[in-house]
Amino acid sequence: MSPVEPFLVHIRCDTDGYTHAVTEEEFAEGRRDGRFRAVCGHVVLAAPMIEAPGRFDPVCRDVLRGNGAPEPSVPRQERRRSRWRTRR
């Protein structure tokens, strides 16, 4: 018997602009707050659904093709500069 492929939802991330692949289970868990863990490990902040899909995330594509797996201990998330600046 062949393994069943997971059902994937493609969601555009508001922070990086990429469209990420999210499993059905992760979609169900994150639907209340709009944050989903993609197959690449990135935490997706869902963009408004009226926006057109962005470019597909290359890391998600590699994971789905079996070419690579995300590092489980460190999710791929870009750090933003702090908005708080000290004045002298």
PDB file of N, CA and C in Angstrom:
ATOM      1  N   MET A   1       0.843  -1.171   0.000  1.00  0.00           N
ATOM      2  CA  MET A   1       0.000   0.000   0.000  1.00  0.00           C
ATOM      3  C   MET A   1       0.893   1.241   0.000  1.00  0.00           C
ATOM      4  N   SER A   2       0.633   2.179  -0.872  1.00  0.00           N
ATOM      5  CA  SER A   2       1.463   3.374  -0.963  1.00  0.00           C
ATOM      6  C   SER A   2       1.071   4.380   0.120  1.00  0.00           C
ATOM      7  N   PRO A   3       2.053   5.159   0.597  1.00  0.00           N
ATOM      8  CA  PRO A   3       1.731   6.149   1.626  1.00  0.00           C
ATOM      9  C   PRO A   3       0.841   7.255   1.057  1.00  0.00           C
ATOM     10  N   VAL A   4      -0.020   7.759   1.893  1.00  0.00           N
ATOM     11  CA  VAL A   4      -0.939   8.817   1.476  1.00  0.00           C
ATOM     12  C   VAL A   4      -0.227  10.154   1.601  1.00  0.00           C
ATOM     13  N   GLU A   5      -0.277  10.936   0.543  1.00  0.00           N
ATOM     14  CA  GLU A   5       0.350  12.254   0.575  1.00  0.00           C
ATOM     15  C   GLU A   5      -0.508  13.193   1.402  1.00  0.00           C
ATOM     16  N   PRO A   6       0.129  14.082   2.182  1.00  0.00           N
ATOM     17  CA  PRO A   6      -0.656  15.002   3.011  1.00  0.00           C
ATOM     18  C   PRO A   6      -1.372  16.044   2.155  1.00  0.00           C
ATOM     19  N   PHE A   7      -2.516  16.489   2.633  1.00  0.00           N
ATOM     20  CA  PHE A   7      -3.246  17.554   1.965  1.00  0.00           C
ATOM     21  C   PHE A   7      -2.567  18.865   2.354  1.00  0.00           C
ATOM     22  N   LEU A   8      -2.219  19.673   1.362  1.00  0.00           N
ATOM     23  CA  LEU A   8      -1.505  20.923   1.617  1.00  0.00           C
ATOM     24  C   LEU A   8      -2.361  22.122   1.252  1.00  0.00           C
ATOM     25  N   VAL A   9      -2.226  23.165   2.052  1.00  0.00           N
ATOM     26  CA  VAL A   9      -2.868  24.446   1.792  1.00  0.00           C
ATOM     27  C   VAL A   9      -1.749  25.429   1.501  1.00  0.00           C
ATOM     28  N   HIS A  10      -1.894  26.202   0.458  1.00  0.00           N
ATOM     29  CA  HIS A  10      -0.876  27.191   0.108  1.00  0.00           C
ATOM     30  C   HIS A  10      -1.332  28.557   0.597  1.00  0.00           C
ATOM     31  N   ILE A  11      -0.525  29.159   1.473  1.00  0.00           N
ATOM     32  CA  ILE A  11      -0.884  30.421   2.110  1.00  0.00           C
ATOM     33  C   ILE A  11       0.240  31.426   1.894  1.00  0.00           C
ATOM     34  N   ARG A  12      -0.140  32.627   1.487  1.00  0.00           N
ATOM     35  CA  ARG A  12       0.846  33.690   1.306  1.00  0.00           C
ATOM     36  C   ARG A  12       1.152  34.329   2.652  1.00  0.00           C
ATOM     37  N   CYS A  13       2.449  34.494   2.929  1.00  0.00           N
ATOM     38  CA  CYS A  13       2.892  35.086   4.185  1.00  0.00           C
ATOM     39  C   CYS A  13       2.977  36.600   4.038  1.00  0.00           C
ATOM     40  N   ASP A  14       2.439  37.304   5.008  1.00  0.00           N
ATOM     41  CA  ASP A  14       2.441  38.759   4.976  1.00  0.00           C
ATOM     42  C   ASP A  14       3.811  39.337   5.297  1.00  0.00           C
ATOM     43  N   THR A  15       4.664  38.583   5.992  1.00  0.00           N
ATOM     44  CA  THR A  15       5.968  39.122   6.371  1.00  0.00           C
ATOM     45  C   THR A  15       7.031  38.950   5.301  1.00  0.00           C
ATOM     46  N   ASP A  16       7.032  37.841   4.570  1.00  0.00           N
ATOM     47  CA  ASP A  16       8.070  37.661   3.551  1.00  0.00           C
ATOM     48  C   ASP A  16       7.546  37.655   2.112  1.00  0.00           C
ATOM     49  N   GLY A  17       6.230  37.626   1.934  1.00  0.00           N
ATOM     50  CA  GLY A  17       5.653  37.696   0.593  1.00  0.00           C
ATOM     51  C   GLY A  17       5.627  36.385  -0.165  1.00  0.00           C
ATOM     52  N   TYR A  18       6.236  35.332   0.379  1.00  0.00           N
ATOM     53  CA  TYR A  18       6.240  34.030  -0.285  1.00  0.00           C
ATOM     54  C   TYR A  18       4.938  33.287   0.006  1.00  0.00           C
ATOM     55  N   THR A  19       4.579  32.392  -0.904  1.00  0.00           N
ATOM     56  CA  THR A  19       3.481  31.465  -0.667  1.00  0.00           C
ATOM     57  C   THR A  19       4.092  30.183  -0.123  1.00  0.00           C
ATOM     58  N   HIS A  20       3.633  29.755   1.056  1.00  0.00           N
ATOM     59  CA  HIS A  20       4.188  28.589   1.739  1.00  0.00           C
ATOM     60  C   HIS A  20       3.193  27.440   1.717  1.00  0.00           C
ATOM     61  N   ALA A  21       3.710  26.224   1.804  1.00  0.00           N
ATOM     62  CA  ALA A  21       2.881  25.018   1.899  1.00  0.00           C
ATOM     63  C   ALA A  21       2.655  24.699   3.373  1.00  0.00           C
ATOM     64  N   VAL A  22       1.391  24.560   3.755  1.00  0.00           N
ATOM     65  CA  VAL A  22       1.003  24.272   5.131  1.00  0.00           C
ATOM     66  C   VAL A  22       0.157  23.009   5.115  1.00  0.00           C
ATOM     67  N   THR A  23       0.453  22.083   6.027  1.00  0.00           N
ATOM     68  CA  THR A  23      -0.348  20.857   6.091  1.00  0.00           C
ATOM     69  C   THR A  23      -1.730  21.168   6.650  1.00  0.00           C
ATOM     70  N   GLU A  24      -2.642  20.258   6.386  1.00  0.00           N
ATOM     71  CA  GLU A  24      -4.018  20.428   6.855  1.00  0.00           C
ATOM     72  C   GLU A  24      -4.080  20.489   8.381  1.00  0.00           C
ATOM     73  N   GLU A  25      -3.244  19.698   9.053  1.00  0.00           N
ATOM     74  CA  GLU A  25      -3.224  19.702  10.518  1.00  0.00           C
ATOM     75  C   GLU A  25      -2.740  21.038  11.065  1.00  0.00           C
ATOM     76  N   GLU A  26      -1.675  21.577  10.471  1.00  0.00           N
ATOM     77  CA  GLU A  26      -1.154  22.874  10.915  1.00  0.00           C
ATOM     78  C   GLU A  26      -2.149  23.993  10.612  1.00  0.00           C
ATOM     79  N   PHE A  27      -2.850  23.874   9.501  1.00  0.00           N
ATOM     80  CA  PHE A  27      -3.866  24.867   9.162  1.00  0.00           C
ATOM     81  C   PHE A  27      -4.981  24.866  10.206  1.00  0.00           C
ATOM     82  N   ALA A  28      -5.410  23.674  10.615  1.00  0.00           N
ATOM     83  CA  ALA A  28      -6.475  23.581  11.619  1.00  0.00           C
ATOM     84  C   ALA A  28      -6.025  24.145  12.965  1.00  0.00           C
ATOM     85  N   GLU A  29      -4.762  23.922  13.325  1.00  0.00           N
ATOM     86  CA  GLU A  29      -4.253  24.421  14.604  1.00  0.00           C
ATOM     87  C   GLU A  29      -4.101  25.938  14.615  1.00  0.00           C
ATOM     88  N   GLY A  30      -3.721  26.527  13.505  1.00  0.00           N
ATOM     89  CA  GLY A  30      -3.422  27.948  13.490  1.00  0.00           C
ATOM     90  C   GLY A  30      -4.504  28.857  12.957  1.00  0.00           C
ATOM     91  N   ARG A  31      -5.651  28.314  12.637  1.00  0.00           N
ATOM     92  CA  ARG A  31      -6.662  29.132  11.967  1.00  0.00           C
ATOM     93  C   ARG A  31      -7.279  30.199  12.862  1.00  0.00           C
ATOM     94  N   ARG A  32      -7.235  30.031  14.159  1.00  0.00           N
ATOM     95  CA  ARG A  32      -7.814  31.035  15.054  1.00  0.00           C
ATOM     96  C   ARG A  32      -6.993  32.320  15.102  1.00  0.00           C
ATOM     97  N   ASP A  33      -5.664  32.182  15.165  1.00  0.00           N
ATOM     98  CA  ASP A  33      -4.827  33.377  15.260  1.00  0.00           C
ATOM     99  C   ASP A  33      -4.157  33.765  13.941  1.00  0.00           C
ATOM    100  N   GLY A  34      -4.343  32.976  12.889  1.00  0.00           N
ATOM    101  CA  GLY A  34      -3.814  33.332  11.571  1.00  0.00           C
ATOM    102  C   GLY A  34      -2.327  33.085  11.400  1.00  0.00           C
ATOM    103  N   ARG A  35      -1.747  32.251  12.252  1.00  0.00           N
ATOM    104  CA  ARG A  35      -0.328  31.891  12.143  1.00  0.00           C
ATOM    105  C   ARG A  35      -0.219  30.382  11.957  1.00  0.00           C
ATOM    106  N   PHE A  36       0.553  29.998  10.960  1.00  0.00           N
ATOM    107  CA  PHE A  36       0.649  28.592  10.586  1.00  0.00           C
ATOM    108  C   PHE A  36       2.106  28.198  10.423  1.00  0.00           C
ATOM    109  N   ARG A  37       2.470  26.985  10.825  1.00  0.00           N
ATOM    110  CA  ARG A  37       3.825  26.479  10.623  1.00  0.00           C
ATOM    111  C   ARG A  37       3.870  25.782   9.267  1.00  0.00           C
ATOM    112  N   ALA A  38       4.700  26.306   8.372  1.00  0.00           N
ATOM    113  CA  ALA A  38       4.830  25.739   7.028  1.00  0.00           C
ATOM    114  C   ALA A  38       5.725  24.510   7.059  1.00  0.00           C
ATOM    115  N   VAL A  39       5.749  23.754   5.975  1.00  0.00           N
ATOM    116  CA  VAL A  39       6.578  22.548   5.918  1.00  0.00           C
ATOM    117  C   VAL A  39       8.063  22.888   5.982  1.00  0.00           C
ATOM    118  N   CYS A  40       8.434  24.122   5.664  1.00  0.00           N
ATOM    119  CA  CYS A  40       9.835  24.546   5.731  1.00  0.00           C
ATOM    120  C   CYS A  40      10.226  24.992   7.134  1.00  0.00           C
ATOM    121  N   GLY A  41       9.253  25.128   8.046  1.00  0.00           N
ATOM    122  CA  GLY A  41       9.539  25.562   9.402  1.00  0.00           C
ATOM    123  C   GLY A  41       9.219  27.023   9.657  1.00  0.00           C
ATOM    124  N   HIS A  42       8.947  27.776   8.623  1.00  0.00           N
ATOM    125  CA  HIS A  42       8.631  29.199   8.757  1.00  0.00           C
ATOM    126  C   HIS A  42       7.238  29.364   9.375  1.00  0.00           C
ATOM    127  N   VAL A  43       7.101  30.329  10.281  1.00  0.00           N
ATOM    128  CA  VAL A  43       5.790  30.640  10.840  1.00  0.00           C
ATOM    129  C   VAL A  43       5.141  31.661   9.912  1.00  0.00           C
ATOM    130  N   VAL A  44       4.062  31.246   9.285  1.00  0.00           N
ATOM    131  CA  VAL A  44       3.389  32.065   8.279  1.00  0.00           C
ATOM    132  C   VAL A  44       2.327  32.930   8.941  1.00  0.00           C
ATOM    133  N   LEU A  45       2.440  34.223   8.741  1.00  0.00           N
ATOM    134  CA  LEU A  45       1.395  35.163   9.140  1.00  0.00           C
ATOM    135  C   LEU A  45       0.565  35.381   7.881  1.00  0.00           C
ATOM    136  N   ALA A  46      -0.650  34.878   7.882  1.00  0.00           N
ATOM    137  CA  ALA A  46      -1.464  34.859   6.669  1.00  0.00           C
ATOM    138  C   ALA A  46      -1.776  36.268   6.184  1.00  0.00           C
ATOM    139  N   ALA A  47      -1.516  36.485   4.900  1.00  0.00           N
ATOM    140  CA  ALA A  47      -1.878  37.737   4.253  1.00  0.00           C
ATOM    141  C   ALA A  47      -3.377  37.698   3.957  1.00  0.00           C
ATOM    142  N   PRO A  48      -3.996  38.844   3.720  1.00  0.00           N
ATOM    143  CA  PRO A  48      -5.418  38.820   3.350  1.00  0.00           C
ATOM    144  C   PRO A  48      -5.640  37.915   2.139  1.00  0.00           C
ATOM    145  N   MET A  49      -6.682  37.118   2.202  1.00  0.00           N
ATOM    146  CA  MET A  49      -6.923  36.126   1.158  1.00  0.00           C
ATOM    147  C   MET A  49      -7.341  36.734  -0.179  1.00  0.00           C
ATOM    148  N   ILE A  50      -7.574  38.042  -0.225  1.00  0.00           N
ATOM    149  CA  ILE A  50      -7.913  38.674  -1.499  1.00  0.00           C
ATOM    150  C   ILE A  50      -6.662  39.012  -2.309  1.00  0.00           C
ATOM    151  N   GLU A  51      -5.475  38.925  -1.670  1.00  0.00           N
ATOM    152  CA  GLU A  51      -4.232  39.190  -2.379  1.00  0.00           C
ATOM    153  C   GLU A  51      -3.863  37.995  -3.252  1.00  0.00           C
ATOM    154  N   ALA A  52      -3.244  38.306  -4.371  1.00  0.00           N
ATOM    155  CA  ALA A  52      -2.800  37.247  -5.282  1.00  0.00           C
ATOM    156  C   ALA A  52      -1.666  36.455  -4.637  1.00  0.00           C
ATOM    157  N   PRO A  53      -1.537  35.170  -4.965  1.00  0.00           N
ATOM    158  CA  PRO A  53      -0.438  34.387  -4.410  1.00  0.00           C
ATOM    159  C   PRO A  53       0.909  34.985  -4.810  1.00  0.00           C
ATOM    160  N   GLY A  54       1.859  34.884  -3.903  1.00  0.00           N
ATOM    161  CA  GLY A  54       3.211  35.351  -4.201  1.00  0.00           C
ATOM    162  C   GLY A  54       4.024  34.229  -4.812  1.00  0.00           C
ATOM    163  N   ARG A  55       5.314  34.458  -4.906  1.00  0.00           N
ATOM    164  CA  ARG A  55       6.212  33.423  -5.403  1.00  0.00           C
ATOM    165  C   ARG A  55       6.270  32.284  -4.395  1.00  0.00           C
ATOM    166  N   PHE A  56       6.328  31.057  -4.869  1.00  0.00           N
ATOM    167  CA  PHE A  56       6.369  29.903  -3.973  1.00  0.00           C
ATOM    168  C   PHE A  56       7.716  29.854  -3.266  1.00  0.00           C
ATOM    169  N   ASP A  57       7.704  29.605  -1.974  1.00  0.00           N
ATOM    170  CA  ASP A  57       8.924  29.582  -1.176  1.00  0.00           C
ATOM    171  C   ASP A  57       9.853  28.471  -1.660  1.00  0.00           C
ATOM    172  N   PRO A  58      11.115  28.807  -1.975  1.00  0.00           N
ATOM    173  CA  PRO A  58      12.031  27.775  -2.479  1.00  0.00           C
ATOM    174  C   PRO A  58      12.351  26.688  -1.453  1.00  0.00           C
ATOM    175  N   VAL A  59      12.348  27.017  -0.160  1.00  0.00           N
ATOM    176  CA  VAL A  59      12.639  26.004   0.859  1.00  0.00           C
ATOM    177  C   VAL A  59      11.475  25.015   0.958  1.00  0.00           C
ATOM    178  N   CYS A  60      10.238  25.514   0.913  1.00  0.00           N
ATOM    179  CA  CYS A  60       9.071  24.622   0.906  1.00  0.00           C
ATOM    180  C   CYS A  60       9.120  23.702  -0.314  1.00  0.00           C
ATOM    181  N   ARG A  61       9.471  24.270  -1.456  1.00  0.00           N
ATOM    182  CA  ARG A  61       9.546  23.479  -2.685  1.00  0.00           C
ATOM    183  C   ARG A  61      10.579  22.368  -2.552  1.00  0.00           C
ATOM    184  N   ASP A  62      11.754  22.682  -1.971  1.00  0.00           N
ATOM    185  CA  ASP A  62      12.788  21.663  -1.794  1.00  0.00           C
ATOM    186  C   ASP A  62      12.340  20.564  -0.834  1.00  0.00           C
ATOM    187  N   VAL A  63      11.653  20.951   0.236  1.00  0.00           N
ATOM    188  CA  VAL A  63      11.163  19.963   1.200  1.00  0.00           C
ATOM    189  C   VAL A  63      10.140  19.044   0.537  1.00  0.00           C
ATOM    190  N   LEU A  64       9.233  19.622  -0.242  1.00  0.00           N
ATOM    191  CA  LEU A  64       8.200  18.817  -0.898  1.00  0.00           C
ATOM    192  C   LEU A  64       8.779  17.891  -1.961  1.00  0.00           C
ATOM    193  N   ARG A  65       9.848  18.336  -2.609  1.00  0.00           N
ATOM    194  CA  ARG A  65      10.492  17.495  -3.627  1.00  0.00           C
ATOM    195  C   ARG A  65      11.399  16.440  -3.008  1.00  0.00           C
ATOM    196  N   GLY A  66      11.672  16.585  -1.711  1.00  0.00           N
ATOM    197  CA  GLY A  66      12.548  15.627  -1.045  1.00  0.00           C
ATOM    198  C   GLY A  66      14.011  15.974  -1.168  1.00  0.00           C
ATOM    199  N   ASN A  67      14.329  17.178  -1.635  1.00  0.00           N
ATOM    200  CA  ASN A  67      15.726  17.589  -1.802  1.00  0.00           C
ATOM    201  C   ASN A  67      16.359  18.090  -0.517  1.00  0.00           C
ATOM    202  N   GLY A  68      15.566  18.425   0.437  1.00  0.00           N
ATOM    203  CA  GLY A  68      16.128  18.945   1.676  1.00  0.00           C
ATOM    204  C   GLY A  68      15.075  18.975   2.754  1.00  0.00           C
ATOM    205  N   ALA A  69      15.525  19.026   3.957  1.00  0.00           N
ATOM    206  CA  ALA A  69      14.607  19.114   5.086  1.00  0.00           C
ATOM    207  C   ALA A  69      14.997  20.321   5.924  1.00  0.00           C
ATOM    208  N   PRO A  70      14.044  20.975   6.530  1.00  0.00           N
ATOM    209  CA  PRO A  70      14.383  22.127   7.357  1.00  0.00           C
ATOM    210  C   PRO A  70      15.099  21.687   8.630  1.00  0.00           C
ATOM    211  N   GLU A  71      15.885  22.594   9.180  1.00  0.00           N
ATOM    212  CA  GLU A  71      16.541  22.304  10.444  1.00  0.00           C
ATOM    213  C   GLU A  71      15.481  22.339  11.534  1.00  0.00           C
ATOM    214  N   PRO A  72      15.267  21.238  12.245  1.00  0.00           N
ATOM    215  CA  PRO A  72      14.170  21.197  13.203  1.00  0.00           C
ATOM    216  C   PRO A  72      14.356  22.113  14.407  1.00  0.00           C
ATOM    217  N   SER A  73      15.592  22.387  14.804  1.00  0.00           N
ATOM    218  CA  SER A  73      15.805  23.164  16.015  1.00  0.00           C
ATOM    219  C   SER A  73      15.701  24.668  15.776  1.00  0.00           C
ATOM    220  N   VAL A  74      15.991  25.127  14.569  1.00  0.00           N
ATOM    221  CA  VAL A  74      15.986  26.561  14.298  1.00  0.00           C
ATOM    222  C   VAL A  74      15.035  26.847  13.141  1.00  0.00           C
ATOM    223  N   PRO A  75      13.849  27.382  13.429  1.00  0.00           N
ATOM    224  CA  PRO A  75      12.948  27.710  12.327  1.00  0.00           C
ATOM    225  C   PRO A  75      13.505  28.862  11.505  1.00  0.00           C
ATOM    226  N   ARG A  76      13.243  28.836  10.224  1.00  0.00           N
ATOM    227  CA  ARG A  76      13.724  29.878   9.320  1.00  0.00           C
ATOM    228  C   ARG A  76      12.806  31.087   9.459  1.00  0.00           C
ATOM    229  N   GLN A  77      13.277  32.063  10.183  1.00  0.00           N
ATOM    230  CA  GLN A  77      12.477  33.259  10.417  1.00  0.00           C
ATOM    231  C   GLN A  77      13.418  34.448  10.398  1.00  0.00           C
ATOM    232  N   GLU A  78      13.104  35.427   9.609  1.00  0.00           N
ATOM    233  CA  GLU A  78      13.958  36.602   9.527  1.00  0.00           C
ATOM    234  C   GLU A  78      13.732  37.479  10.745  1.00  0.00           C
ATOM    235  N   ARG A  79      14.817  38.022  11.259  1.00  0.00           N
ATOM    236  CA  ARG A  79      14.701  38.913  12.406  1.00  0.00           C
ATOM    237  C   ARG A  79      14.522  40.329  11.891  1.00  0.00           C
ATOM    238  N   ARG A  80      13.644  41.031  12.540  1.00  0.00           N
ATOM    239  CA  ARG A  80      13.440  42.437  12.202  1.00  0.00           C
ATOM    240  C   ARG A  80      14.235  43.295  13.165  1.00  0.00           C
ATOM    241  N   ARG A  81      14.625  44.449  12.682  1.00  0.00           N
ATOM    242  CA  ARG A  81      15.311  45.387  13.566  1.00  0.00           C
ATOM    243  C   ARG A  81      14.334  45.893  14.599  1.00  0.00           C
ATOM    244  N   SER A  82      14.829  46.117  15.762  1.00  0.00           N
ATOM    245  CA  SER A  82      13.991  46.643  16.818  1.00  0.00           C
ATOM    246  C   SER A  82      13.566  48.062  16.477  1.00  0.00           C
ATOM    247  N   ARG A  83      12.326  48.386  16.741  1.00  0.00           N
ATOM    248  CA  ARG A  83      11.842  49.734  16.463  1.00  0.00           C
ATOM    249  C   ARG A  83      12.215  50.708  17.569  1.00  0.00           C
ATOM    250  N   TRP A  84      12.596  50.149  18.695  1.00  0.00           N
ATOM    251  CA  TRP A  84      12.952  51.007  19.828  1.00  0.00           C
ATOM    252  C   TRP A  84      14.405  51.411  19.707  1.00  0.00           C
ATOM    253  N   ARG A  85      14.629  52.676  19.687  1.00  0.00           N
ATOM    254  CA  ARG A  85      15.999  53.191  19.620  1.00  0.00           C
ATOM    255  C   ARG A  85      16.244  54.078  20.822  1.00  0.00           C
ATOM    256  N   THR A  86      17.432  53.981  21.318  1.00  0.00           N
ATOM    257  CA  THR A  86      17.764  54.842  22.450  1.00  0.00           C
ATOM    258  C   THR A  86      18.327  56.153  21.918  1.00  0.00           C
ATOM    259  N   ARG A  87      17.917  57.218  22.542  1.00  0.00           N
ATOM    260  CA  ARG A  87      18.423  58.535  22.148  1.00  0.00           C
ATOM    261  C   ARG A  87      19.394  59.019  23.210  1.00  0.00           C
ATOM    262  N   ARG A  88      20.396  59.645  22.760  1.00  0.00           N
ATOM    263  CA  ARG A  88      21.395  60.173  23.698  1.00  0.00           C
ATOM    264  C   ARG A  88      21.412  61.676  23.680  1.00  0.00           C
TER     265      ARG A  88
END
